[in-house]
N, C-alpha and C. Protein backbone atom coordinates (compact mmCIF):
# COMPACT_ATOMS: atom_id res chain seq x y z
N UNK A 1 113.27 32.12 -76.89
CA UNK A 1 112.30 31.27 -77.55
C UNK A 1 111.08 31.09 -76.64
N UNK A 2 109.95 30.93 -77.25
CA UNK A 2 108.68 30.78 -76.55
C UNK A 2 108.09 29.42 -76.92
N UNK A 3 107.43 28.79 -75.96
CA UNK A 3 106.72 27.56 -76.26
C UNK A 3 105.26 27.90 -76.50
N UNK A 4 104.70 27.27 -77.53
CA UNK A 4 103.32 27.51 -77.94
C UNK A 4 102.53 26.21 -77.87
N UNK A 5 101.37 26.27 -77.26
CA UNK A 5 100.44 25.14 -77.21
C UNK A 5 99.44 25.35 -78.35
N UNK A 6 99.36 24.36 -79.24
CA UNK A 6 98.51 24.48 -80.42
C UNK A 6 97.51 23.33 -80.45
N UNK A 7 96.24 23.67 -80.66
CA UNK A 7 95.21 22.68 -80.93
C UNK A 7 94.65 23.03 -82.30
N UNK A 8 94.62 22.06 -83.18
CA UNK A 8 94.02 22.27 -84.50
C UNK A 8 93.13 21.07 -84.79
N UNK A 9 91.85 21.37 -85.01
CA UNK A 9 90.88 20.31 -85.25
C UNK A 9 90.90 19.87 -86.71
N UNK A 10 90.51 18.62 -86.94
CA UNK A 10 90.31 18.14 -88.30
C UNK A 10 88.99 18.72 -88.81
N UNK A 11 88.92 19.00 -90.11
CA UNK A 11 87.67 19.44 -90.70
C UNK A 11 86.68 18.27 -90.67
N UNK A 12 85.41 18.54 -90.43
CA UNK A 12 84.41 17.47 -90.42
C UNK A 12 84.44 16.68 -91.73
N UNK A 13 84.44 15.37 -91.61
CA UNK A 13 84.42 14.51 -92.78
C UNK A 13 85.77 14.29 -93.45
N UNK A 14 86.82 14.92 -92.94
CA UNK A 14 88.14 14.74 -93.56
C UNK A 14 88.71 13.38 -93.18
N UNK A 15 89.58 12.86 -94.05
CA UNK A 15 90.21 11.56 -93.83
C UNK A 15 91.72 11.75 -93.93
N UNK A 16 92.37 11.71 -92.77
CA UNK A 16 93.81 11.95 -92.72
C UNK A 16 94.64 10.76 -93.15
N UNK A 17 94.04 9.60 -93.34
CA UNK A 17 94.80 8.36 -93.57
C UNK A 17 95.73 8.42 -94.78
N UNK A 18 95.32 9.04 -95.86
CA UNK A 18 96.16 9.10 -97.07
C UNK A 18 97.42 9.93 -96.85
N UNK A 19 97.35 10.90 -95.96
CA UNK A 19 98.47 11.83 -95.74
C UNK A 19 99.24 11.54 -94.47
N UNK A 20 98.77 10.59 -93.68
CA UNK A 20 99.40 10.30 -92.39
C UNK A 20 100.88 9.91 -92.50
N UNK A 21 101.26 9.03 -93.46
CA UNK A 21 102.69 8.69 -93.56
C UNK A 21 103.58 9.92 -93.81
N UNK A 22 103.13 10.82 -94.68
CA UNK A 22 103.91 12.03 -94.96
C UNK A 22 103.93 12.95 -93.74
N UNK A 23 102.82 13.04 -93.05
CA UNK A 23 102.73 13.84 -91.82
C UNK A 23 103.73 13.33 -90.78
N UNK A 24 103.71 12.02 -90.53
CA UNK A 24 104.60 11.43 -89.52
C UNK A 24 106.07 11.53 -89.94
N UNK A 25 106.36 11.45 -91.22
CA UNK A 25 107.74 11.51 -91.71
C UNK A 25 108.37 12.89 -91.47
N UNK A 26 107.56 13.93 -91.39
CA UNK A 26 108.09 15.29 -91.20
C UNK A 26 108.40 15.60 -89.74
N UNK A 27 107.90 14.80 -88.81
CA UNK A 27 108.06 15.10 -87.39
C UNK A 27 109.50 15.02 -86.89
N UNK A 28 110.28 13.98 -87.23
CA UNK A 28 111.64 13.90 -86.68
C UNK A 28 112.51 15.12 -86.97
N UNK A 29 112.39 15.70 -88.15
CA UNK A 29 113.20 16.89 -88.47
C UNK A 29 112.84 18.06 -87.57
N UNK A 30 111.56 18.25 -87.29
CA UNK A 30 111.14 19.33 -86.40
C UNK A 30 111.62 19.11 -84.98
N UNK A 31 111.63 17.86 -84.55
CA UNK A 31 112.15 17.53 -83.21
C UNK A 31 113.65 17.81 -83.16
N UNK A 32 114.38 17.36 -84.17
CA UNK A 32 115.84 17.58 -84.21
C UNK A 32 116.19 19.06 -84.25
N UNK A 33 115.35 19.88 -84.90
CA UNK A 33 115.58 21.33 -84.97
C UNK A 33 115.21 22.03 -83.67
N UNK A 34 114.60 21.30 -82.74
CA UNK A 34 114.16 21.90 -81.49
C UNK A 34 112.88 22.69 -81.60
N UNK A 35 112.15 22.50 -82.69
CA UNK A 35 110.91 23.25 -82.92
C UNK A 35 109.68 22.55 -82.36
N UNK A 36 109.72 21.23 -82.25
CA UNK A 36 108.58 20.45 -81.80
C UNK A 36 108.99 19.63 -80.59
N UNK A 37 108.34 19.87 -79.44
CA UNK A 37 108.71 19.15 -78.22
C UNK A 37 107.66 18.15 -77.77
N UNK A 38 106.47 18.25 -78.35
CA UNK A 38 105.40 17.30 -78.03
C UNK A 38 104.35 17.43 -79.13
N UNK A 39 103.80 16.30 -79.54
CA UNK A 39 102.74 16.33 -80.56
C UNK A 39 101.98 15.02 -80.54
N UNK A 40 100.74 15.08 -80.93
CA UNK A 40 99.96 13.86 -81.04
C UNK A 40 98.52 14.15 -81.43
N UNK A 41 97.82 13.08 -81.72
CA UNK A 41 96.41 13.19 -82.10
C UNK A 41 95.55 13.42 -80.87
N UNK A 42 94.44 14.10 -81.07
CA UNK A 42 93.39 14.19 -80.07
C UNK A 42 92.17 13.48 -80.66
N UNK A 43 91.34 12.92 -79.78
CA UNK A 43 90.27 12.04 -80.24
C UNK A 43 88.90 12.49 -79.76
N UNK A 44 87.89 12.19 -80.57
CA UNK A 44 86.49 12.35 -80.17
C UNK A 44 86.13 11.20 -79.24
N UNK A 45 85.19 11.45 -78.35
CA UNK A 45 84.68 10.39 -77.50
C UNK A 45 83.89 9.41 -78.37
N UNK A 46 84.06 8.11 -78.15
CA UNK A 46 83.25 7.14 -78.90
C UNK A 46 81.77 7.37 -78.65
N UNK A 47 80.95 7.13 -79.67
CA UNK A 47 79.50 7.34 -79.54
C UNK A 47 78.83 6.21 -78.79
N UNK A 48 79.46 5.04 -78.79
CA UNK A 48 78.89 3.92 -78.06
C UNK A 48 80.01 3.07 -77.49
N UNK A 49 79.68 2.29 -76.48
CA UNK A 49 80.66 1.42 -75.84
C UNK A 49 81.22 0.42 -76.85
N UNK A 50 82.53 0.26 -76.84
CA UNK A 50 83.19 -0.67 -77.75
C UNK A 50 83.57 -0.06 -79.08
N UNK A 51 83.05 1.12 -79.38
CA UNK A 51 83.40 1.80 -80.63
C UNK A 51 84.74 2.50 -80.47
N UNK A 52 85.57 2.42 -81.49
CA UNK A 52 86.88 3.09 -81.45
C UNK A 52 86.70 4.60 -81.56
N UNK A 53 87.51 5.36 -80.85
CA UNK A 53 87.43 6.82 -80.99
C UNK A 53 87.91 7.25 -82.37
N UNK A 54 87.39 8.36 -82.86
CA UNK A 54 87.80 8.91 -84.14
C UNK A 54 88.70 10.12 -83.89
N UNK A 55 89.48 10.49 -84.90
CA UNK A 55 90.36 11.65 -84.78
C UNK A 55 89.53 12.93 -84.66
N UNK A 56 89.90 13.77 -83.70
CA UNK A 56 89.30 15.09 -83.56
C UNK A 56 90.24 16.15 -84.15
N UNK A 57 91.54 15.88 -84.08
CA UNK A 57 92.53 16.84 -84.55
C UNK A 57 93.88 16.52 -83.97
N UNK A 58 94.67 17.57 -83.73
CA UNK A 58 96.04 17.39 -83.25
C UNK A 58 96.40 18.43 -82.19
N UNK A 59 97.32 18.04 -81.34
CA UNK A 59 97.91 18.92 -80.33
C UNK A 59 99.40 18.99 -80.61
N UNK A 60 99.95 20.18 -80.59
CA UNK A 60 101.39 20.37 -80.81
C UNK A 60 101.95 21.34 -79.78
N UNK A 61 103.14 21.07 -79.31
CA UNK A 61 103.90 22.01 -78.48
C UNK A 61 105.08 22.45 -79.34
N UNK A 62 105.06 23.71 -79.74
CA UNK A 62 106.03 24.25 -80.69
C UNK A 62 106.90 25.29 -80.00
N UNK A 63 108.20 25.26 -80.30
CA UNK A 63 109.13 26.28 -79.83
C UNK A 63 109.40 27.24 -80.98
N UNK A 64 109.08 28.52 -80.77
CA UNK A 64 109.27 29.53 -81.81
C UNK A 64 109.36 30.90 -81.15
N UNK A 65 110.05 31.81 -81.81
CA UNK A 65 110.20 33.17 -81.29
C UNK A 65 108.88 33.93 -81.29
N UNK A 66 108.05 33.68 -82.31
CA UNK A 66 106.81 34.43 -82.46
C UNK A 66 105.64 33.49 -82.76
N UNK A 67 104.44 34.01 -82.52
CA UNK A 67 103.24 33.27 -82.86
C UNK A 67 103.19 32.99 -84.36
N UNK A 68 103.62 33.94 -85.15
CA UNK A 68 103.62 33.78 -86.60
C UNK A 68 104.53 32.64 -87.03
N UNK A 69 105.70 32.51 -86.38
CA UNK A 69 106.61 31.42 -86.69
C UNK A 69 105.98 30.07 -86.31
N UNK A 70 105.32 30.02 -85.17
CA UNK A 70 104.64 28.78 -84.75
C UNK A 70 103.54 28.42 -85.74
N UNK A 71 102.77 29.41 -86.16
CA UNK A 71 101.71 29.16 -87.14
C UNK A 71 102.28 28.69 -88.47
N UNK A 72 103.43 29.22 -88.87
CA UNK A 72 104.06 28.79 -90.12
C UNK A 72 104.44 27.32 -90.06
N UNK A 73 104.89 26.86 -88.91
CA UNK A 73 105.21 25.43 -88.75
C UNK A 73 103.96 24.59 -88.95
N UNK A 74 102.85 25.02 -88.35
CA UNK A 74 101.59 24.30 -88.52
C UNK A 74 101.16 24.31 -89.99
N UNK A 75 101.21 25.47 -90.61
CA UNK A 75 100.73 25.61 -91.99
C UNK A 75 101.60 24.86 -93.00
N UNK A 76 102.83 24.54 -92.63
CA UNK A 76 103.72 23.78 -93.51
C UNK A 76 103.46 22.28 -93.45
N UNK A 77 102.66 21.83 -92.51
CA UNK A 77 102.35 20.40 -92.38
C UNK A 77 101.41 19.96 -93.50
N UNK A 78 101.56 18.73 -93.95
CA UNK A 78 100.73 18.18 -95.02
C UNK A 78 99.25 18.20 -94.66
N UNK A 79 98.92 18.03 -93.38
CA UNK A 79 97.51 18.06 -92.99
C UNK A 79 96.91 19.45 -93.23
N UNK A 80 97.69 20.50 -93.04
CA UNK A 80 97.22 21.85 -93.33
C UNK A 80 97.14 22.07 -94.83
N UNK A 81 98.18 21.68 -95.53
CA UNK A 81 98.24 21.90 -96.99
C UNK A 81 97.15 21.15 -97.74
N UNK A 82 96.77 19.99 -97.25
CA UNK A 82 95.76 19.16 -97.93
C UNK A 82 94.35 19.34 -97.39
N UNK A 83 94.17 20.31 -96.48
CA UNK A 83 92.83 20.62 -96.01
C UNK A 83 92.26 19.66 -94.99
N UNK A 84 93.10 18.88 -94.34
CA UNK A 84 92.63 17.99 -93.27
C UNK A 84 92.34 18.82 -92.02
N UNK A 85 93.29 19.67 -91.66
CA UNK A 85 93.13 20.52 -90.48
C UNK A 85 92.28 21.74 -90.80
N UNK A 86 91.49 22.17 -89.83
CA UNK A 86 90.70 23.39 -89.93
C UNK A 86 91.59 24.56 -89.51
N UNK A 87 92.40 25.03 -90.44
CA UNK A 87 93.40 26.07 -90.13
C UNK A 87 92.78 27.44 -89.89
N UNK A 88 91.50 27.60 -90.20
CA UNK A 88 90.84 28.88 -89.92
C UNK A 88 90.49 29.02 -88.44
N UNK A 89 90.57 27.92 -87.70
CA UNK A 89 90.16 27.93 -86.29
C UNK A 89 91.21 27.35 -85.35
N UNK A 90 92.48 27.59 -85.67
CA UNK A 90 93.57 27.11 -84.81
C UNK A 90 93.48 27.80 -83.45
N UNK A 91 93.71 27.02 -82.42
CA UNK A 91 93.81 27.55 -81.06
C UNK A 91 95.30 27.54 -80.70
N UNK A 92 95.84 28.69 -80.36
CA UNK A 92 97.26 28.78 -80.04
C UNK A 92 97.49 29.77 -78.90
N UNK A 93 98.24 29.30 -77.90
CA UNK A 93 98.57 30.12 -76.74
C UNK A 93 100.03 29.94 -76.38
N UNK A 94 100.62 31.00 -75.82
CA UNK A 94 101.92 30.85 -75.17
C UNK A 94 101.75 29.83 -74.06
N UNK A 95 102.78 29.04 -73.82
CA UNK A 95 102.68 27.96 -72.85
C UNK A 95 103.90 27.99 -71.94
N UNK A 96 103.66 27.97 -70.65
CA UNK A 96 104.73 27.89 -69.66
C UNK A 96 104.72 26.51 -69.05
N UNK A 97 105.60 25.66 -69.50
CA UNK A 97 105.62 24.26 -69.05
C UNK A 97 106.18 24.18 -67.63
N UNK A 98 105.41 23.57 -66.74
CA UNK A 98 105.85 23.38 -65.35
C UNK A 98 106.51 22.03 -65.16
N UNK A 99 106.08 21.03 -65.92
CA UNK A 99 106.66 19.69 -65.81
C UNK A 99 106.43 18.96 -67.13
N UNK A 100 107.37 18.09 -67.48
CA UNK A 100 107.23 17.28 -68.69
C UNK A 100 107.88 15.93 -68.42
N UNK A 101 107.10 14.89 -68.48
CA UNK A 101 107.60 13.54 -68.27
C UNK A 101 107.77 12.86 -69.62
N UNK A 102 108.80 12.07 -69.78
CA UNK A 102 108.93 11.32 -71.04
C UNK A 102 107.80 10.31 -71.17
N UNK A 103 107.46 9.98 -72.40
CA UNK A 103 106.41 9.00 -72.66
C UNK A 103 106.86 7.64 -72.15
N UNK A 104 105.96 6.97 -71.44
CA UNK A 104 106.25 5.66 -70.90
C UNK A 104 106.34 4.64 -72.02
N UNK A 105 107.26 3.72 -71.91
CA UNK A 105 107.44 2.66 -72.92
C UNK A 105 106.63 1.41 -72.58
N UNK A 106 105.75 1.50 -71.58
CA UNK A 106 104.95 0.35 -71.15
C UNK A 106 103.98 -0.08 -72.19
């Protein structure tokens, strides 16, 4: 198995909020299957001080035998199916993880 680092940006003007519950609900099954080892949102820098950052897209660490299998996992997500993610410009590379710390509960 190979680990893949995936960055997929949101399309300009897209609003992921309507599909976010369905997106989040699909994650535990991928983790249990050993296909997803890390995932989360990436953010744009705020335009001014005190302004909340906006979503830029998502980062995923996927375990798959082939790049095509990793891409299929991305394309099966509701954000891809509903046109939130810019799937024409996915960035995907083989990834050799040197260290991974669990998320702090602080």
